[in-house]
Amino acid sequence: MDSLASLSSLGYDLRYLCFFQQRLKDGYQVEFPDYWLHFDNSWELPRLDVIVDVQFAVANDVPIPGYGTKNCINIRLWSMFFASKNPKNRGVAIQLNDSHPTLDIVELQRILDLELDETWEIVTRMFAFTNHTIFPEAMEKWPIPMVPYLLPRHMQIIFDLNLVEKLFPDNRDLLAKLSIIEKATPQFVRLVLVYWKMIFKDFVKFYGSEKFTNVTNGITPRRWLH
């Protein structure tokens, strides 16, 4: 958010106990929860006036000041249902930070309730993605039986988006690399592949080089140079 602090932007995240403390116990490193939500955050502004259809998803705003400006932007922390709250804004471009908010793409397609080609054209122009690691454990994927149980409509859309299987049904090697539905046992929905097409050359062959940009992140002068 520091790199966007002087631009017209708004950040979203999930407000939950995601941090932990590392301690030594009996000569071993152990992790304990960091109960940062149990105390008031002096920078955070609870927005009880900002609610959506699920009334108990409360917004909490944290202002981010920019360098050399008289205004600041905002990062909005939702108490729950992160993916379903963000796409309800209109007239925006969304930068996805890593693989965790992947369902925003599918959720927007569900909200639009248009034909697949129409929604796909909208989301491909609306969403951009930054990948921070290529470690497999950081790549978001969910077990196939869980997704239709929790999100049946989203699962239908994901199957519709799995264009690789439709276009190359007999190319098992390419299917294993690019398919959103993992071809293994047990099967997983590789949600990150809804937009994670920046690392391997196979994605460039399939989608074309114009879909990808390699940019090294800069630093914020406000924090590091002054």
Protein backbone atom coordinates (compact mmCIF):
# COMPACT_ATOMS: atom_id res chain seq x y z
CA MET A 1 0.00 0.00 0.00
CA ASP A 2 2.95 2.36 0.53
CA SER A 3 3.73 2.18 -3.20
CA LEU A 4 0.13 3.26 -3.97
CA ALA A 5 -0.21 5.84 -1.20
CA SER A 6 0.03 8.85 -3.54
CA LEU A 7 -2.41 7.38 -6.09
CA SER A 8 -6.17 7.01 -6.19
CA SER A 9 -6.42 3.54 -4.69
CA LEU A 10 -8.07 1.50 -1.97
CA GLY A 11 -6.77 -1.70 -0.36
CA TYR A 12 -8.72 -4.69 0.95
CA ASP A 13 -7.69 -7.51 3.23
CA LEU A 14 -9.12 -9.92 5.77
CA ARG A 15 -9.02 -8.93 9.44
CA TYR A 16 -8.14 -12.06 11.39
CA LEU A 17 -5.50 -13.62 13.68
CA CYS A 18 -3.01 -14.35 10.92
CA PHE A 19 0.20 -13.62 12.81
CA PHE A 20 2.06 -15.74 15.32
CA GLN A 21 4.86 -15.34 17.84
CA GLN A 22 7.94 -17.56 17.79
CA ARG A 23 9.34 -18.73 21.12
CA LEU A 24 11.79 -21.33 22.41
CA LYS A 25 10.40 -24.12 24.57
CA ASP A 26 12.55 -27.02 25.80
CA GLY A 27 15.13 -26.18 23.16
CA TYR A 28 12.62 -26.16 20.29
CA GLN A 29 11.04 -23.33 18.34
CA VAL A 30 7.27 -23.19 18.81
CA GLU A 31 4.59 -20.86 17.49
CA PHE A 32 1.97 -19.08 19.60
CA PRO A 33 -0.93 -16.91 18.38
CA ASP A 34 -0.38 -13.17 18.24
CA TYR A 35 -3.58 -11.77 19.73
CA TRP A 36 -3.24 -8.41 18.02
CA LEU A 37 -7.02 -8.11 17.57
CA HIS A 38 -7.64 -8.30 21.32
CA PHE A 39 -6.39 -4.74 21.75
CA ASP A 40 -7.50 -1.53 20.09
CA ASN A 41 -5.57 -0.44 17.00
CA SER A 42 -5.04 3.31 17.19
CA TRP A 43 -4.72 3.54 13.40
CA GLU A 44 -7.88 1.59 12.67
CA LEU A 45 -11.33 3.10 12.15
CA PRO A 46 -14.22 0.63 12.61
CA ARG A 47 -16.82 1.39 9.92
CA LEU A 48 -20.08 0.12 11.36
CA ASP A 49 -21.84 2.18 8.69
CA VAL A 50 -20.23 0.10 5.93
CA ILE A 51 -22.13 -3.16 5.67
CA VAL A 52 -23.18 -5.50 2.89
CA ASP A 53 -25.79 -8.23 2.54
CA VAL A 54 -24.06 -10.39 5.16
CA GLN A 55 -24.58 -7.93 7.99
CA PHE A 56 -21.92 -9.26 10.33
CA ALA A 57 -19.06 -8.59 7.91
CA VAL A 58 -17.80 -5.29 9.34
CA ALA A 59 -15.30 -3.01 7.60
CA ASN A 60 -12.30 -1.61 9.49
CA ASP A 61 -10.37 1.16 7.72
CA VAL A 62 -6.64 1.88 8.20
CA PRO A 63 -5.41 5.15 6.57
CA ILE A 64 -2.12 5.06 4.61
CA PRO A 65 -0.57 8.55 4.15
CA GLY A 66 1.24 9.36 0.91
CA TYR A 67 4.54 11.19 0.44
CA GLY A 68 4.25 14.90 -0.25
CA THR A 69 0.46 14.90 -0.43
CA LYS A 70 -2.30 16.31 1.77
CA ASN A 71 -4.49 13.24 1.57
CA CYS A 72 -4.17 9.54 2.31
CA ILE A 73 -5.54 6.30 0.91
CA ASN A 74 -7.14 3.50 2.82
CA ILE A 75 -6.80 -0.24 3.35
CA ARG A 76 -10.10 -1.85 4.34
CA LEU A 77 -9.93 -4.93 6.58
CA TRP A 78 -13.08 -7.07 6.43
CA SER A 79 -13.99 -9.09 9.51
CA MET A 80 -14.91 -12.05 7.26
CA PHE A 81 -15.97 -13.09 3.74
CA PHE A 82 -13.07 -11.24 2.13
CA ALA A 83 -13.67 -12.36 -1.47
CA SER A 84 -17.42 -11.70 -1.53
CA LYS A 85 -17.16 -8.11 -0.29
CA ASN A 86 -14.51 -6.61 -2.57
CA PRO A 87 -16.08 -6.93 -6.05
CA LYS A 88 -19.22 -5.07 -4.97
CA ASN A 89 -17.48 -1.77 -5.74
CA ARG A 90 -18.07 -0.37 -9.24
CA GLY A 91 -15.78 1.25 -11.79
CA VAL A 92 -12.47 -0.04 -10.46
CA ALA A 93 -9.33 -1.92 -11.45
CA ILE A 94 -8.20 -4.52 -8.92
CA GLN A 95 -4.60 -5.54 -8.22
CA LEU A 96 -4.52 -8.97 -6.55
CA ASN A 97 -1.69 -9.42 -4.07
CA ASP A 98 -0.54 -13.07 -4.17
CA SER A 99 -2.77 -16.14 -4.43
CA HIS A 100 -5.07 -15.68 -1.43
CA PRO A 101 -7.83 -13.46 -2.91
CA THR A 102 -8.20 -15.65 -6.02
CA LEU A 103 -11.94 -16.15 -5.62
CA ASP A 104 -12.52 -12.43 -6.26
CA ILE A 105 -12.36 -13.21 -9.99
CA VAL A 106 -14.93 -15.99 -9.84
CA GLU A 107 -17.07 -14.04 -7.35
CA LEU A 108 -17.29 -11.07 -9.71
CA GLN A 109 -18.36 -13.37 -12.53
CA ARG A 110 -21.07 -14.76 -10.28
CA ILE A 111 -22.27 -11.27 -9.32
CA LEU A 112 -22.39 -10.06 -12.93
CA ASP A 113 -24.59 -13.01 -13.92
CA LEU A 114 -23.83 -12.61 -17.63
CA GLU A 115 -22.68 -15.05 -20.28
CA LEU A 116 -19.25 -16.55 -19.61
CA ASP A 117 -17.58 -14.78 -22.55
CA GLU A 118 -18.91 -11.41 -21.38
CA THR A 119 -17.82 -11.86 -17.77
CA TRP A 120 -14.42 -13.20 -18.80
CA GLU A 121 -13.80 -10.12 -20.95
CA ILE A 122 -14.68 -7.89 -17.99
CA VAL A 123 -12.56 -9.68 -15.38
CA THR A 124 -9.51 -9.98 -17.66
CA ARG A 125 -9.57 -6.19 -18.10
CA MET A 126 -10.37 -5.49 -14.46
CA PHE A 127 -7.96 -7.76 -12.56
CA ALA A 128 -4.16 -7.77 -12.40
CA PHE A 129 -1.96 -10.01 -10.29
CA THR A 130 1.39 -9.88 -8.50
CA ASN A 131 3.09 -13.16 -7.62
CA HIS A 132 5.63 -13.16 -4.79
CA THR A 133 6.89 -16.74 -4.71
CA ILE A 134 6.99 -19.94 -6.74
CA PHE A 135 7.14 -22.27 -3.72
CA PRO A 136 4.44 -24.97 -4.10
CA GLU A 137 3.28 -24.63 -0.49
CA ALA A 138 2.35 -20.99 -1.16
CA MET A 139 0.17 -21.83 -4.17
CA GLU A 140 -3.50 -21.78 -3.28
CA LYS A 141 -5.41 -25.00 -4.00
CA TRP A 142 -8.54 -26.55 -2.48
CA PRO A 143 -9.75 -30.16 -2.46
CA ILE A 144 -12.33 -30.81 -5.19
CA PRO A 145 -15.02 -32.20 -2.80
CA MET A 146 -14.83 -29.10 -0.58
CA VAL A 147 -15.40 -26.41 -3.21
CA PRO A 148 -18.84 -27.49 -4.55
CA TYR A 149 -19.96 -28.14 -0.97
CA LEU A 150 -19.11 -24.58 0.12
CA LEU A 151 -19.38 -22.71 -3.18
CA PRO A 152 -21.45 -24.67 -5.72
CA ARG A 153 -21.92 -21.81 -8.20
CA HIS A 154 -18.25 -20.88 -8.03
CA MET A 155 -17.32 -24.48 -8.81
CA GLN A 156 -19.49 -24.39 -11.93
CA ILE A 157 -17.76 -21.22 -13.11
CA ILE A 158 -14.31 -22.70 -12.45
CA PHE A 159 -15.15 -25.73 -14.59
CA ASP A 160 -16.34 -23.36 -17.33
CA LEU A 161 -13.08 -21.41 -17.08
CA ASN A 162 -10.98 -24.53 -17.50
CA LEU A 163 -10.41 -23.78 -21.18
CA VAL A 164 -7.30 -25.95 -21.47
CA GLU A 165 -9.28 -29.16 -21.18
CA LYS A 166 -11.74 -27.99 -23.84
CA LEU A 167 -9.06 -26.89 -26.32
CA PHE A 168 -6.49 -29.64 -25.76
CA PRO A 169 -8.37 -32.70 -24.44
CA ASP A 170 -5.72 -35.15 -25.67
CA ASN A 171 -2.60 -33.26 -24.59
CA ARG A 172 -2.20 -34.74 -21.11
CA ASP A 173 1.18 -33.09 -20.49
CA LEU A 174 -0.12 -29.59 -21.20
CA LEU A 175 -3.30 -30.34 -19.28
CA ALA A 176 -1.30 -31.33 -16.19
CA LYS A 177 0.64 -28.05 -16.31
CA LEU A 178 -2.11 -25.56 -17.11
CA SER A 179 -5.42 -27.03 -15.97
CA ILE A 180 -7.22 -25.25 -13.12
CA ILE A 181 -8.49 -28.68 -12.06
CA GLU A 182 -5.43 -30.63 -10.93
CA LYS A 183 -5.05 -33.94 -12.74
CA ALA A 184 -3.96 -35.99 -9.74
CA THR A 185 -5.39 -38.12 -6.95
CA PRO A 186 -6.82 -36.60 -4.85
CA GLN A 187 -7.95 -33.80 -7.15
CA PHE A 188 -7.60 -30.14 -6.18
CA VAL A 189 -8.86 -26.87 -7.58
CA ARG A 190 -5.71 -24.89 -8.22
CA LEU A 191 -7.36 -21.54 -7.61
CA VAL A 192 -4.15 -19.65 -8.10
CA LEU A 193 -4.16 -20.71 -11.77
CA VAL A 194 -7.26 -18.62 -12.39
CA TYR A 195 -4.77 -15.76 -12.71
CA TRP A 196 -1.34 -17.22 -11.95
CA LYS A 197 0.08 -17.28 -15.49
CA MET A 198 3.29 -15.36 -14.93
CA ILE A 199 5.92 -17.94 -14.04
CA PHE A 200 6.03 -20.78 -16.56
CA LYS A 201 6.59 -20.47 -20.32
CA ASP A 202 3.64 -22.78 -21.05
CA PHE A 203 1.22 -20.05 -19.96
CA VAL A 204 2.88 -17.57 -22.33
CA LYS A 205 2.47 -20.04 -25.20
CA PHE A 206 -1.19 -20.53 -24.36
CA TYR A 207 -2.27 -16.94 -23.61
CA GLY A 208 0.33 -14.89 -25.53
CA SER A 209 3.14 -12.66 -24.29
CA GLU A 210 0.96 -9.53 -24.22
CA LYS A 211 -0.74 -10.85 -21.06
CA PHE A 212 2.45 -10.70 -18.98
CA THR A 213 4.64 -7.97 -17.56
CA ASN A 214 7.73 -8.54 -15.43
CA VAL A 215 8.34 -5.60 -13.09
CA THR A 216 10.64 -5.39 -10.07
CA ASN A 217 8.94 -3.73 -7.12
CA GLY A 218 10.35 -0.38 -6.06
CA ILE A 219 10.52 1.23 -2.63
CA THR A 220 8.65 4.07 -1.02
CA PRO A 221 10.80 7.22 -0.58
CA ARG A 222 8.70 8.19 2.44
CA ARG A 223 9.87 5.14 4.37
CA TRP A 224 13.35 4.31 3.05
CA LEU A 225 14.97 7.45 1.63
CA HIS A 226 13.91 10.23 4.03
